[in-house]
PDB file of N, CA and C in Angstrom:
ATOM      1  N   MET A   1      22.055 -11.268  31.309  1.00  0.00           N
ATOM      2  CA  MET A   1      21.095 -10.388  30.959  1.00  0.00           C
ATOM      3  C   MET A   1      20.764  -9.842  29.511  1.00  0.00           C
ATOM      4  N   LYS A   2      22.076  -9.300  28.943  1.00  0.00           N
ATOM      5  CA  LYS A   2      22.163  -8.942  27.775  1.00  0.00           C
ATOM      6  C   LYS A   2      21.884  -9.759  26.851  1.00  0.00           C
ATOM      7  N   LEU A   3      22.474 -10.968  27.046  1.00  0.00           N
ATOM      8  CA  LEU A   3      22.272 -12.124  25.953  1.00  0.00           C
ATOM      9  C   LEU A   3      20.944 -12.429  25.937  1.00  0.00           C
ATOM     10  N   GLN A   4      20.116 -12.542  27.058  1.00  0.00           N
ATOM     11  CA  GLN A   4      18.948 -12.817  26.965  1.00  0.00           C
ATOM     12  C   GLN A   4      17.862 -11.987  26.116  1.00  0.00           C
ATOM     13  N   SER A   5      18.206 -10.654  26.370  1.00  0.00           N
ATOM     14  CA  SER A   5      17.550  -9.622  25.525  1.00  0.00           C
ATOM     15  C   SER A   5      17.848  -9.710  24.041  1.00  0.00           C
ATOM     16  N   LEU A   6      18.906  -9.885  23.791  1.00  0.00           N
ATOM     17  CA  LEU A   6      19.280 -10.078  22.392  1.00  0.00           C
ATOM     18  C   LEU A   6      18.577 -11.210  21.904  1.00  0.00           C
ATOM     19  N   GLY A   7      18.573 -12.331  22.463  1.00  0.00           N
ATOM     20  CA  GLY A   7      17.888 -13.676  21.917  1.00  0.00           C
ATOM     21  C   GLY A   7      16.340 -13.073  21.834  1.00  0.00           C
ATOM     22  N   LEU A   8      15.735 -12.397  22.655  1.00  0.00           N
ATOM     23  CA  LEU A   8      14.183 -11.998  22.580  1.00  0.00           C
ATOM     24  C   LEU A   8      14.005 -11.212  21.335  1.00  0.00           C
ATOM     25  N   GLY A   9      14.914 -10.399  21.231  1.00  0.00           N
ATOM     26  CA  GLY A   9      14.999  -9.195  20.069  1.00  0.00           C
ATOM     27  C   GLY A   9      14.988  -9.952  18.700  1.00  0.00           C
ATOM     28  N   ALA A  10      16.032 -10.802  18.532  1.00  0.00           N
ATOM     29  CA  ALA A  10      16.071 -11.702  17.434  1.00  0.00           C
ATOM     30  C   ALA A  10      14.835 -12.519  17.028  1.00  0.00           C
ATOM     31  N   LEU A  11      14.269 -13.045  18.166  1.00  0.00           N
ATOM     32  CA  LEU A  11      13.054 -13.878  17.899  1.00  0.00           C
ATOM     33  C   LEU A  11      12.064 -12.995  17.402  1.00  0.00           C
ATOM     34  N   GLY A  12      11.953 -11.826  17.996  1.00  0.00           N
ATOM     35  CA  GLY A  12      10.952 -10.795  17.579  1.00  0.00           C
ATOM     36  C   GLY A  12      11.053 -10.616  16.081  1.00  0.00           C
ATOM     37  N   VAL A  13      12.188 -10.225  15.763  1.00  0.00           N
ATOM     38  CA  VAL A  13      12.569  -9.854  14.214  1.00  0.00           C
ATOM     39  C   VAL A  13      12.091 -10.847  13.632  1.00  0.00           C
ATOM     40  N   CYS A  14      12.749 -12.292  13.618  1.00  0.00           N
ATOM     41  CA  CYS A  14      12.094 -13.428  13.132  1.00  0.00           C
ATOM     42  C   CYS A  14      10.432 -13.637  12.821  1.00  0.00           C
ATOM     43  N   ALA A  15       9.979 -13.279  13.976  1.00  0.00           N
ATOM     44  CA  ALA A  15       8.388 -13.414  13.935  1.00  0.00           C
ATOM     45  C   ALA A  15       7.981 -12.382  13.088  1.00  0.00           C
ATOM     46  N   LEU A  16       8.379 -11.094  12.994  1.00  0.00           N
ATOM     47  CA  LEU A  16       7.916 -10.134  11.968  1.00  0.00           C
ATOM     48  C   LEU A  16       8.255 -10.463  10.654  1.00  0.00           C
ATOM     49  N   LEU A  17       9.467 -10.988  10.361  1.00  0.00           N
ATOM     50  CA  LEU A  17       9.804 -11.344   8.866  1.00  0.00           C
ATOM     51  C   LEU A  17       8.925 -12.487   8.333  1.00  0.00           C
ATOM     52  N   PHE A  18       8.738 -13.469   9.230  1.00  0.00           N
ATOM     53  CA  PHE A  18       8.145 -14.787   8.848  1.00  0.00           C
ATOM     54  C   PHE A  18       6.628 -14.648   8.930  1.00  0.00           C
ATOM     55  N   GLY A  19       6.275 -14.161  10.093  1.00  0.00           N
ATOM     56  CA  GLY A  19       4.742 -14.244  10.472  1.00  0.00           C
ATOM     57  C   GLY A  19       3.951 -13.316   9.755  1.00  0.00           C
ATOM     58  N   CYS A  20       4.252 -12.393   8.950  1.00  0.00           N
ATOM     59  CA  CYS A  20       3.348 -11.498   8.259  1.00  0.00           C
ATOM     60  C   CYS A  20       3.019 -11.994   7.074  1.00  0.00           C
ATOM     61  N   SER A  21       3.754 -13.009   6.524  1.00  0.00           N
ATOM     62  CA  SER A  21       3.487 -13.553   5.185  1.00  0.00           C
ATOM     63  C   SER A  21       2.264 -14.508   5.287  1.00  0.00           C
ATOM     64  N   THR A  22       1.232 -14.518   4.612  1.00  0.00           N
ATOM     65  CA  THR A  22       0.117 -15.279   4.598  1.00  0.00           C
ATOM     66  C   THR A  22      -0.130 -15.655   3.242  1.00  0.00           C
ATOM     67  N   ALA A  23       0.115 -17.023   2.847  1.00  0.00           N
ATOM     68  CA  ALA A  23      -0.596 -17.450   1.503  1.00  0.00           C
ATOM     69  C   ALA A  23      -1.859 -17.298   1.462  1.00  0.00           C
ATOM     70  N   THR A  24      -2.459 -16.861   0.472  1.00  0.00           N
ATOM     71  CA  THR A  24      -3.826 -16.460   0.091  1.00  0.00           C
ATOM     72  C   THR A  24      -4.325 -17.000  -1.242  1.00  0.00           C
ATOM     73  N   VAL A  25      -5.381 -17.544  -1.418  1.00  0.00           N
ATOM     74  CA  VAL A  25      -5.983 -18.083  -2.696  1.00  0.00           C
ATOM     75  C   VAL A  25      -7.322 -16.909  -3.033  1.00  0.00           C
ATOM     76  N   VAL A  26      -6.882 -16.353  -4.117  1.00  0.00           N
ATOM     77  CA  VAL A  26      -7.837 -15.506  -4.846  1.00  0.00           C
ATOM     78  C   VAL A  26      -8.483 -16.309  -5.787  1.00  0.00           C
ATOM     79  N   THR A  27      -9.854 -16.485  -5.741  1.00  0.00           N
ATOM     80  CA  THR A  27     -10.610 -17.331  -6.987  1.00  0.00           C
ATOM     81  C   THR A  27     -11.411 -16.130  -7.635  1.00  0.00           C
ATOM     82  N   LEU A  28     -11.307 -16.264  -8.836  1.00  0.00           N
ATOM     83  CA  LEU A  28     -12.221 -15.299  -9.563  1.00  0.00           C
ATOM     84  C   LEU A  28     -13.577 -15.950 -10.071  1.00  0.00           C
ATOM     85  N   GLN A  29     -14.441 -14.933 -10.509  1.00  0.00           N
ATOM     86  CA  GLN A  29     -15.850 -15.481 -10.778  1.00  0.00           C
ATOM     87  C   GLN A  29     -15.687 -16.528 -12.042  1.00  0.00           C
ATOM     88  N   ASP A  30     -14.821 -16.644 -12.836  1.00  0.00           N
ATOM     89  CA  ASP A  30     -14.535 -17.526 -14.076  1.00  0.00           C
ATOM     90  C   ASP A  30     -13.870 -18.779 -13.389  1.00  0.00           C
ATOM     91  N   GLY A  31     -13.521 -18.948 -12.273  1.00  0.00           N
ATOM     92  CA  GLY A  31     -12.922 -20.092 -11.652  1.00  0.00           C
ATOM     93  C   GLY A  31     -11.373 -20.117 -11.538  1.00  0.00           C
ATOM     94  N   THR A  32     -10.906 -18.994 -12.268  1.00  0.00           N
ATOM     95  CA  THR A  32      -9.492 -18.958 -12.184  1.00  0.00           C
ATOM     96  C   THR A  32      -8.970 -18.851 -10.638  1.00  0.00           C
ATOM     97  N   GLU A  33      -7.887 -19.430 -10.326  1.00  0.00           N
ATOM     98  CA  GLU A  33      -7.504 -19.217  -8.842  1.00  0.00           C
ATOM     99  C   GLU A  33      -5.851 -18.723  -8.930  1.00  0.00           C
ATOM    100  N   TYR A  34      -5.423 -17.879  -8.066  1.00  0.00           N
ATOM    101  CA  TYR A  34      -4.271 -17.271  -7.908  1.00  0.00           C
ATOM    102  C   TYR A  34      -3.803 -17.489  -6.363  1.00  0.00           C
ATOM    103  N   ILE A  35      -2.537 -17.813  -6.292  1.00  0.00           N
ATOM    104  CA  ILE A  35      -2.121 -18.175  -4.890  1.00  0.00           C
ATOM    105  C   ILE A  35      -1.150 -17.174  -4.571  1.00  0.00           C
ATOM    106  N   THR A  36      -1.293 -16.258  -3.869  1.00  0.00           N
ATOM    107  CA  THR A  36      -0.407 -15.162  -3.457  1.00  0.00           C
ATOM    108  C   THR A  36       0.576 -15.308  -2.308  1.00  0.00           C
ATOM    109  N   LYS A  37       1.672 -14.681  -2.318  1.00  0.00           N
ATOM    110  CA  LYS A  37       2.607 -14.690  -1.146  1.00  0.00           C
ATOM    111  C   LYS A  37       2.000 -14.011   0.135  1.00  0.00           C
ATOM    112  N   ASP A  38       1.189 -12.922  -0.188  1.00  0.00           N
ATOM    113  CA  ASP A  38       0.785 -12.131   0.992  1.00  0.00           C
ATOM    114  C   ASP A  38      -0.743 -11.767   0.615  1.00  0.00           C
ATOM    115  N   TYR A  39      -1.615 -11.434   1.647  1.00  0.00           N
ATOM    116  CA  TYR A  39      -2.981 -11.054   1.544  1.00  0.00           C
ATOM    117  C   TYR A  39      -2.993  -9.911   0.589  1.00  0.00           C
ATOM    118  N   PRO A  40      -3.720  -9.939  -0.430  1.00  0.00           N
ATOM    119  CA  PRO A  40      -3.835  -8.840  -1.390  1.00  0.00           C
ATOM    120  C   PRO A  40      -4.376  -7.449  -1.013  1.00  0.00           C
ATOM    121  N   LYS A  41      -3.634  -6.589  -1.742  1.00  0.00           N
ATOM    122  CA  LYS A  41      -4.132  -5.124  -1.349  1.00  0.00           C
ATOM    123  C   LYS A  41      -5.765  -5.001  -1.968  1.00  0.00           C
ATOM    124  N   THR A  42      -6.626  -4.711  -1.189  1.00  0.00           N
ATOM    125  CA  THR A  42      -7.825  -4.605  -1.527  1.00  0.00           C
ATOM    126  C   THR A  42      -8.299  -3.068  -1.753  1.00  0.00           C
ATOM    127  N   ARG A  43      -8.898  -3.071  -2.803  1.00  0.00           N
ATOM    128  CA  ARG A  43      -9.560  -1.715  -3.192  1.00  0.00           C
ATOM    129  C   ARG A  43      -8.460  -0.793  -3.029  1.00  0.00           C
ATOM    130  N   THR A  44      -7.510  -0.840  -4.071  1.00  0.00           N
ATOM    131  CA  THR A  44      -6.662   0.177  -4.201  1.00  0.00           C
ATOM    132  C   THR A  44      -7.196   1.580  -4.545  1.00  0.00           C
ATOM    133  N   GLN A  45      -6.533   2.734  -4.868  1.00  0.00           N
ATOM    134  CA  GLN A  45      -6.882   3.997  -5.346  1.00  0.00           C
ATOM    135  C   GLN A  45      -7.730   3.860  -6.369  1.00  0.00           C
ATOM    136  N   ASP A  46      -7.210   2.921  -7.273  1.00  0.00           N
ATOM    137  CA  ASP A  46      -7.995   2.950  -8.576  1.00  0.00           C
ATOM    138  C   ASP A  46      -8.985   1.962  -8.649  1.00  0.00           C
ATOM    139  N   GLY A  47      -9.339   1.436  -7.553  1.00  0.00           N
ATOM    140  CA  GLY A  47     -10.702   0.555  -7.283  1.00  0.00           C
ATOM    141  C   GLY A  47     -10.266  -0.959  -7.456  1.00  0.00           C
ATOM    142  N   PHE A  48      -9.054  -1.498  -7.964  1.00  0.00           N
ATOM    143  CA  PHE A  48      -8.860  -2.707  -8.169  1.00  0.00           C
ATOM    144  C   PHE A  48      -8.110  -3.623  -7.043  1.00  0.00           C
ATOM    145  N   TYR A  49      -7.955  -4.876  -7.037  1.00  0.00           N
ATOM    146  CA  TYR A  49      -7.357  -5.613  -6.344  1.00  0.00           C
ATOM    147  C   TYR A  49      -5.941  -5.761  -6.822  1.00  0.00           C
ATOM    148  N   GLU A  50      -4.981  -5.702  -6.105  1.00  0.00           N
ATOM    149  CA  GLU A  50      -3.535  -5.918  -6.644  1.00  0.00           C
ATOM    150  C   GLU A  50      -2.783  -6.804  -5.668  1.00  0.00           C
ATOM    151  N   PHE A  51      -2.078  -7.713  -6.343  1.00  0.00           N
ATOM    152  CA  PHE A  51      -1.485  -8.757  -5.649  1.00  0.00           C
ATOM    153  C   PHE A  51      -0.324  -9.303  -6.529  1.00  0.00           C
ATOM    154  N   GLU A  52       0.655  -9.899  -5.879  1.00  0.00           N
ATOM    155  CA  GLU A  52       1.822 -10.757  -6.671  1.00  0.00           C
ATOM    156  C   GLU A  52       1.396 -12.306  -6.363  1.00  0.00           C
ATOM    157  N   ASP A  53       1.422 -13.146  -7.501  1.00  0.00           N
ATOM    158  CA  ASP A  53       1.086 -14.510  -7.301  1.00  0.00           C
ATOM    159  C   ASP A  53       2.772 -15.201  -7.121  1.00  0.00           C
ATOM    160  N   LEU A  54       2.633 -16.397  -6.726  1.00  0.00           N
ATOM    161  CA  LEU A  54       3.554 -17.069  -6.359  1.00  0.00           C
ATOM    162  C   LEU A  54       4.815 -17.289  -7.521  1.00  0.00           C
ATOM    163  N   SER A  55       4.480 -17.026  -8.647  1.00  0.00           N
ATOM    164  CA  SER A  55       5.586 -16.862  -9.635  1.00  0.00           C
ATOM    165  C   SER A  55       6.146 -15.474  -9.935  1.00  0.00           C
ATOM    166  N   GLY A  56       5.505 -14.499  -8.858  1.00  0.00           N
ATOM    167  CA  GLY A  56       6.218 -13.249  -9.203  1.00  0.00           C
ATOM    168  C   GLY A  56       5.458 -12.133 -10.085  1.00  0.00           C
ATOM    169  N   ARG A  57       4.347 -12.746 -10.717  1.00  0.00           N
ATOM    170  CA  ARG A  57       3.642 -11.931 -11.511  1.00  0.00           C
ATOM    171  C   ARG A  57       2.726 -10.943 -10.927  1.00  0.00           C
ATOM    172  N   HIS A  58       2.787  -9.838 -11.196  1.00  0.00           N
ATOM    173  CA  HIS A  58       1.934  -8.636 -10.583  1.00  0.00           C
ATOM    174  C   HIS A  58       0.668  -8.848 -11.316  1.00  0.00           C
ATOM    175  N   VAL A  59      -0.474  -9.053 -10.378  1.00  0.00           N
ATOM    176  CA  VAL A  59      -1.924  -9.184 -10.910  1.00  0.00           C
ATOM    177  C   VAL A  59      -2.716  -8.068 -10.322  1.00  0.00           C
ATOM    178  N   LYS A  60      -3.544  -7.611 -11.327  1.00  0.00           N
ATOM    179  CA  LYS A  60      -4.536  -6.328 -11.022  1.00  0.00           C
ATOM    180  C   LYS A  60      -6.010  -6.886 -11.388  1.00  0.00           C
ATOM    181  N   VAL A  61      -7.042  -7.063 -10.706  1.00  0.00           N
ATOM    182  CA  VAL A  61      -8.242  -7.379 -11.173  1.00  0.00           C
ATOM    183  C   VAL A  61      -9.163  -6.764 -10.439  1.00  0.00           C
ATOM    184  N   ARG A  62     -10.470  -6.394 -11.276  1.00  0.00           N
ATOM    185  CA  ARG A  62     -11.446  -5.730 -10.915  1.00  0.00           C
ATOM    186  C   ARG A  62     -12.333  -6.361  -9.804  1.00  0.00           C
ATOM    187  N   PRO A  63     -12.857  -5.493  -8.872  1.00  0.00           N
ATOM    188  CA  PRO A  63     -13.415  -6.204  -7.572  1.00  0.00           C
ATOM    189  C   PRO A  63     -14.793  -7.062  -8.086  1.00  0.00           C
ATOM    190  N   GLU A  64     -15.243  -6.842  -9.030  1.00  0.00           N
ATOM    191  CA  GLU A  64     -16.528  -7.603  -9.345  1.00  0.00           C
ATOM    192  C   GLU A  64     -16.077  -8.894  -9.829  1.00  0.00           C
ATOM    193  N   ASP A  65     -14.803  -8.958 -10.292  1.00  0.00           N
ATOM    194  CA  ASP A  65     -14.332 -10.144 -10.978  1.00  0.00           C
ATOM    195  C   ASP A  65     -13.972 -11.326  -9.739  1.00  0.00           C
ATOM    196  N   VAL A  66     -13.831 -10.646  -8.628  1.00  0.00           N
ATOM    197  CA  VAL A  66     -13.167 -11.716  -7.459  1.00  0.00           C
ATOM    198  C   VAL A  66     -14.377 -12.289  -6.598  1.00  0.00           C
ATOM    199  N   ALA A  67     -14.302 -13.696  -6.734  1.00  0.00           N
ATOM    200  CA  ALA A  67     -15.325 -14.535  -6.135  1.00  0.00           C
ATOM    201  C   ALA A  67     -15.213 -14.630  -4.530  1.00  0.00           C
ATOM    202  N   THR A  68     -13.988 -15.014  -4.256  1.00  0.00           N
ATOM    203  CA  THR A  68     -13.384 -15.152  -2.823  1.00  0.00           C
ATOM    204  C   THR A  68     -11.895 -14.978  -2.739  1.00  0.00           C
ATOM    205  N   VAL A  69     -11.567 -14.570  -1.496  1.00  0.00           N
ATOM    206  CA  VAL A  69     -10.196 -14.244  -1.042  1.00  0.00           C
ATOM    207  C   VAL A  69     -10.175 -14.986   0.346  1.00  0.00           C
ATOM    208  N   LYS A  70      -9.398 -16.038   0.427  1.00  0.00           N
ATOM    209  CA  LYS A  70      -9.095 -16.704   1.549  1.00  0.00           C
ATOM    210  C   LYS A  70      -7.950 -17.292   1.894  1.00  0.00           C
ATOM    211  N   GLU A  71      -7.357 -17.473   3.144  1.00  0.00           N
ATOM    212  CA  GLU A  71      -5.939 -18.027   3.355  1.00  0.00           C
ATOM    213  C   GLU A  71      -5.799 -19.492   2.825  1.00  0.00           C
ATOM    214  N   GLU A  72      -4.913 -19.626   2.300  1.00  0.00           N
ATOM    215  CA  GLU A  72      -4.393 -21.028   1.961  1.00  0.00           C
ATOM    216  C   GLU A  72      -4.416 -22.207   2.935  1.00  0.00           C
ATOM    217  N   ASP A  73      -5.025 -23.204   2.731  1.00  0.00           N
ATOM    218  CA  ASP A  73      -5.161 -24.410   3.831  1.00  0.00           C
ATOM    219  C   ASP A  73      -3.781 -24.895   4.079  1.00  0.00           C
TER     220      ASP A  73
END
């Protein structure tokens, strides 16, 4: 019984670690595309979109510059 509970607990932790990450494509009005590791933080306290692209670079853009934000296919 305990082994079964441990297995389910470990499975839940793995789902939390790997299931929350959603690659997203942020396309700007000028056609520039960024692929992010996770869904970007929208409308932060200062009004910008903030995210980290796949290369690890922190990006901050004005909302009016963003054309679309969608999950990567």
